[in-house]
Every structure is written in structure tokens, then in C-alpha cells.
Amino acid sequence: MVGLGELLRPLFPILAKYRLSLDLEPAIGDRDTARNLVLHVRKL
């Protein structure tokens, strides 16, 4: 399995100008306790 860091590695030079955060948010429309992993990108 490929980790998130490996997937984002090609974007590191671009993403260095942004603040990144990962959050678990409730999945919309799901009736159970499913969560979505959300990557938030904010400009510094």
C-alpha cells in the first residue's frame, strides 16, 4: 500500500507555499459512522 506522503511527494515543491492539514470528517449521506479523510490546503 502506498502512503499519503509518497502520493504527495511530487507536489512538495508546490505545496511548500501552503499550509496542509488532514481531518476526519463525517461522510455525507452515510448512515453509519463512516469518515472521509479530507486534505485542507491553505495559502500561507
PDB file of N, CA and C in Angstrom:
ATOM      1  N   MET A   1       0.846  -1.179   0.000  1.00  0.00           N
ATOM      2  CA  MET A   1       0.000   0.000   0.000  1.00  0.00           C
ATOM      3  C   MET A   1       0.895   1.248   0.000  1.00  0.00           C
ATOM      4  N   VAL A   2       0.509   2.240  -0.753  1.00  0.00           N
ATOM      5  CA  VAL A   2       1.275   3.479  -0.862  1.00  0.00           C
ATOM      6  C   VAL A   2       0.772   4.472   0.178  1.00  0.00           C
ATOM      7  N   GLY A   3       1.697   5.092   0.900  1.00  0.00           N
ATOM      8  CA  GLY A   3       1.336   6.068   1.919  1.00  0.00           C
ATOM      9  C   GLY A   3       1.014   7.425   1.294  1.00  0.00           C
ATOM     10  N   LEU A   4       0.348   8.255   2.070  1.00  0.00           N
ATOM     11  CA  LEU A   4      -0.029   9.589   1.606  1.00  0.00           C
ATOM     12  C   LEU A   4       1.202  10.421   1.256  1.00  0.00           C
ATOM     13  N   GLY A   5       2.261  10.282   2.040  1.00  0.00           N
ATOM     14  CA  GLY A   5       3.493  11.014   1.765  1.00  0.00           C
ATOM     15  C   GLY A   5       4.064  10.686   0.400  1.00  0.00           C
ATOM     16  N   GLU A   6       4.017   9.420   0.034  1.00  0.00           N
ATOM     17  CA  GLU A   6       4.517   9.006  -1.285  1.00  0.00           C
ATOM     18  C   GLU A   6       3.661   9.590  -2.411  1.00  0.00           C
ATOM     19  N   LEU A   7       2.356   9.643  -2.192  1.00  0.00           N
ATOM     20  CA  LEU A   7       1.470  10.208  -3.219  1.00  0.00           C
ATOM     21  C   LEU A   7       1.705  11.709  -3.398  1.00  0.00           C
ATOM     22  N   LEU A   8       1.975  12.407  -2.299  1.00  0.00           N
ATOM     23  CA  LEU A   8       2.135  13.860  -2.361  1.00  0.00           C
ATOM     24  C   LEU A   8       3.560  14.304  -2.675  1.00  0.00           C
ATOM     25  N   ARG A   9       4.534  13.397  -2.615  1.00  0.00           N
ATOM     26  CA  ARG A   9       5.937  13.770  -2.793  1.00  0.00           C
ATOM     27  C   ARG A   9       6.201  14.603  -4.050  1.00  0.00           C
ATOM     28  N   PRO A  10       5.642  14.273  -5.224  1.00  0.00           N
ATOM     29  CA  PRO A  10       5.899  15.106  -6.408  1.00  0.00           C
ATOM     30  C   PRO A  10       5.372  16.536  -6.263  1.00  0.00           C
ATOM     31  N   LEU A  11       4.429  16.743  -5.361  1.00  0.00           N
ATOM     32  CA  LEU A  11       3.834  18.068  -5.187  1.00  0.00           C
ATOM     33  C   LEU A  11       4.513  18.891  -4.097  1.00  0.00           C
ATOM     34  N   PHE A  12       5.495  18.319  -3.361  1.00  0.00           N
ATOM     35  CA  PHE A  12       6.119  19.010  -2.234  1.00  0.00           C
ATOM     36  C   PHE A  12       6.638  20.404  -2.581  1.00  0.00           C
ATOM     37  N   PRO A  13       7.329  20.596  -3.727  1.00  0.00           N
ATOM     38  CA  PRO A  13       7.816  21.949  -4.035  1.00  0.00           C
ATOM     39  C   PRO A  13       6.678  22.968  -4.168  1.00  0.00           C
ATOM     40  N   ILE A  14       5.558  22.560  -4.695  1.00  0.00           N
ATOM     41  CA  ILE A  14       4.411  23.452  -4.842  1.00  0.00           C
ATOM     42  C   ILE A  14       3.712  23.637  -3.496  1.00  0.00           C
ATOM     43  N   LEU A  15       3.525  22.535  -2.767  1.00  0.00           N
ATOM     44  CA  LEU A  15       2.798  22.572  -1.503  1.00  0.00           C
ATOM     45  C   LEU A  15       3.570  23.275  -0.389  1.00  0.00           C
ATOM     46  N   ALA A  16       4.874  23.517  -0.579  1.00  0.00           N
ATOM     47  CA  ALA A  16       5.668  24.196   0.440  1.00  0.00           C
ATOM     48  C   ALA A  16       5.151  25.611   0.696  1.00  0.00           C
ATOM     49  N   LYS A  17       4.400  26.168  -0.245  1.00  0.00           N
ATOM     50  CA  LYS A  17       3.858  27.518  -0.107  1.00  0.00           C
ATOM     51  C   LYS A  17       2.496  27.520   0.584  1.00  0.00           C
ATOM     52  N   TYR A  18       2.028  26.351   1.004  1.00  0.00           N
ATOM     53  CA  TYR A  18       0.693  26.224   1.567  1.00  0.00           C
ATOM     54  C   TYR A  18       0.740  25.528   2.915  1.00  0.00           C
ATOM     55  N   ARG A  19      -0.266  25.750   3.720  1.00  0.00           N
ATOM     56  CA  ARG A  19      -0.431  25.035   4.983  1.00  0.00           C
ATOM     57  C   ARG A  19      -1.394  23.881   4.735  1.00  0.00           C
ATOM     58  N   LEU A  20      -0.976  22.691   5.088  1.00  0.00           N
ATOM     59  CA  LEU A  20      -1.790  21.496   4.862  1.00  0.00           C
ATOM     60  C   LEU A  20      -2.275  20.944   6.198  1.00  0.00           C
ATOM     61  N   SER A  21      -3.480  20.436   6.211  1.00  0.00           N
ATOM     62  CA  SER A  21      -3.980  19.731   7.386  1.00  0.00           C
ATOM     63  C   SER A  21      -4.894  18.603   6.937  1.00  0.00           C
ATOM     64  N   LEU A  22      -4.817  17.523   7.676  1.00  0.00           N
ATOM     65  CA  LEU A  22      -5.674  16.366   7.407  1.00  0.00           C
ATOM     66  C   LEU A  22      -6.724  16.277   8.501  1.00  0.00           C
ATOM     67  N   ASP A  23      -7.959  16.063   8.108  1.00  0.00           N
ATOM     68  CA  ASP A  23      -9.049  15.940   9.071  1.00  0.00           C
ATOM     69  C   ASP A  23      -9.920  14.751   8.712  1.00  0.00           C
ATOM     70  N   LEU A  24     -10.483  14.141   9.727  1.00  0.00           N
ATOM     71  CA  LEU A  24     -11.508  13.115   9.526  1.00  0.00           C
ATOM     72  C   LEU A  24     -12.857  13.792   9.705  1.00  0.00           C
ATOM     73  N   GLU A  25     -13.677  13.743   8.681  1.00  0.00           N
ATOM     74  CA  GLU A  25     -14.999  14.368   8.738  1.00  0.00           C
ATOM     75  C   GLU A  25     -16.066  13.317   8.472  1.00  0.00           C
ATOM     76  N   PRO A  26     -17.239  13.477   9.056  1.00  0.00           N
ATOM     77  CA  PRO A  26     -18.320  12.519   8.800  1.00  0.00           C
ATOM     78  C   PRO A  26     -18.636  12.448   7.299  1.00  0.00           C
ATOM     79  N   ALA A  27     -18.804  11.247   6.812  1.00  0.00           N
ATOM     80  CA  ALA A  27     -19.154  11.069   5.404  1.00  0.00           C
ATOM     81  C   ALA A  27     -20.581  11.534   5.182  1.00  0.00           C
ATOM     82  N   ILE A  28     -20.783  12.356   4.189  1.00  0.00           N
ATOM     83  CA  ILE A  28     -22.110  12.903   3.904  1.00  0.00           C
ATOM     84  C   ILE A  28     -22.983  11.814   3.273  1.00  0.00           C
ATOM     85  N   GLY A  29     -24.168  11.647   3.807  1.00  0.00           N
ATOM     86  CA  GLY A  29     -25.109  10.694   3.242  1.00  0.00           C
ATOM     87  C   GLY A  29     -25.005   9.285   3.800  1.00  0.00           C
ATOM     88  N   ASP A  30     -23.949   9.022   4.572  1.00  0.00           N
ATOM     89  CA  ASP A  30     -23.808   7.682   5.147  1.00  0.00           C
ATOM     90  C   ASP A  30     -24.544   7.620   6.480  1.00  0.00           C
ATOM     91  N   ARG A  31     -25.200   6.499   6.728  1.00  0.00           N
ATOM     92  CA  ARG A  31     -25.991   6.342   7.952  1.00  0.00           C
ATOM     93  C   ARG A  31     -25.190   5.717   9.084  1.00  0.00           C
ATOM     94  N   ASP A  32     -23.968   5.285   8.797  1.00  0.00           N
ATOM     95  CA  ASP A  32     -23.153   4.692   9.861  1.00  0.00           C
ATOM     96  C   ASP A  32     -22.099   5.704  10.307  1.00  0.00           C
ATOM     97  N   THR A  33     -21.043   5.227  10.890  1.00  0.00           N
ATOM     98  CA  THR A  33     -20.022   6.122  11.427  1.00  0.00           C
ATOM     99  C   THR A  33     -18.866   6.320  10.448  1.00  0.00           C
ATOM    100  N   ALA A  34     -19.114   6.175   9.158  1.00  0.00           N
ATOM    101  CA  ALA A  34     -18.054   6.332   8.157  1.00  0.00           C
ATOM    102  C   ALA A  34     -17.471   7.739   8.212  1.00  0.00           C
ATOM    103  N   ARG A  35     -16.181   7.826   7.940  1.00  0.00           N
ATOM    104  CA  ARG A  35     -15.489   9.107   7.927  1.00  0.00           C
ATOM    105  C   ARG A  35     -14.730   9.254   6.612  1.00  0.00           C
ATOM    106  N   ASN A  36     -14.612  10.479   6.153  1.00  0.00           N
ATOM    107  CA  ASN A  36     -13.784  10.790   4.990  1.00  0.00           C
ATOM    108  C   ASN A  36     -12.528  11.483   5.476  1.00  0.00           C
ATOM    109  N   LEU A  37     -11.387  11.128   4.885  1.00  0.00           N
ATOM    110  CA  LEU A  37     -10.143  11.822   5.166  1.00  0.00           C
ATOM    111  C   LEU A  37     -10.063  13.006   4.213  1.00  0.00           C
ATOM    112  N   VAL A  38      -9.982  14.208   4.772  1.00  0.00           N
ATOM    113  CA  VAL A  38     -10.027  15.430   3.955  1.00  0.00           C
ATOM    114  C   VAL A  38      -8.706  16.176   4.102  1.00  0.00           C
ATOM    115  N   LEU A  39      -8.122  16.533   2.973  1.00  0.00           N
ATOM    116  CA  LEU A  39      -6.897  17.333   2.958  1.00  0.00           C
ATOM    117  C   LEU A  39      -7.276  18.781   2.729  1.00  0.00           C
ATOM    118  N   HIS A  40      -6.983  19.640   3.715  1.00  0.00           N
ATOM    119  CA  HIS A  40      -7.245  21.071   3.597  1.00  0.00           C
ATOM    120  C   HIS A  40      -5.959  21.772   3.180  1.00  0.00           C
ATOM    121  N   VAL A  41      -6.039  22.636   2.187  1.00  0.00           N
ATOM    122  CA  VAL A  41      -4.879  23.370   1.701  1.00  0.00           C
ATOM    123  C   VAL A  41      -5.168  24.856   1.845  1.00  0.00           C
ATOM    124  N   ARG A  42      -4.302  25.559   2.613  1.00  0.00           N
ATOM    125  CA  ARG A  42      -4.459  26.996   2.818  1.00  0.00           C
ATOM    126  C   ARG A  42      -3.167  27.691   2.438  1.00  0.00           C
ATOM    127  N   LYS A  43      -3.282  28.790   1.726  1.00  0.00           N
ATOM    128  CA  LYS A  43      -2.102  29.551   1.338  1.00  0.00           C
ATOM    129  C   LYS A  43      -1.515  30.243   2.571  1.00  0.00           C
ATOM    130  N   LEU A  44      -0.184  30.218   2.688  1.00  0.00           N
ATOM    131  CA  LEU A  44       0.497  30.857   3.816  1.00  0.00           C
ATOM    132  C   LEU A  44       0.474  32.354   3.686  1.00  0.00           C
TER     133      LEU A  44
END
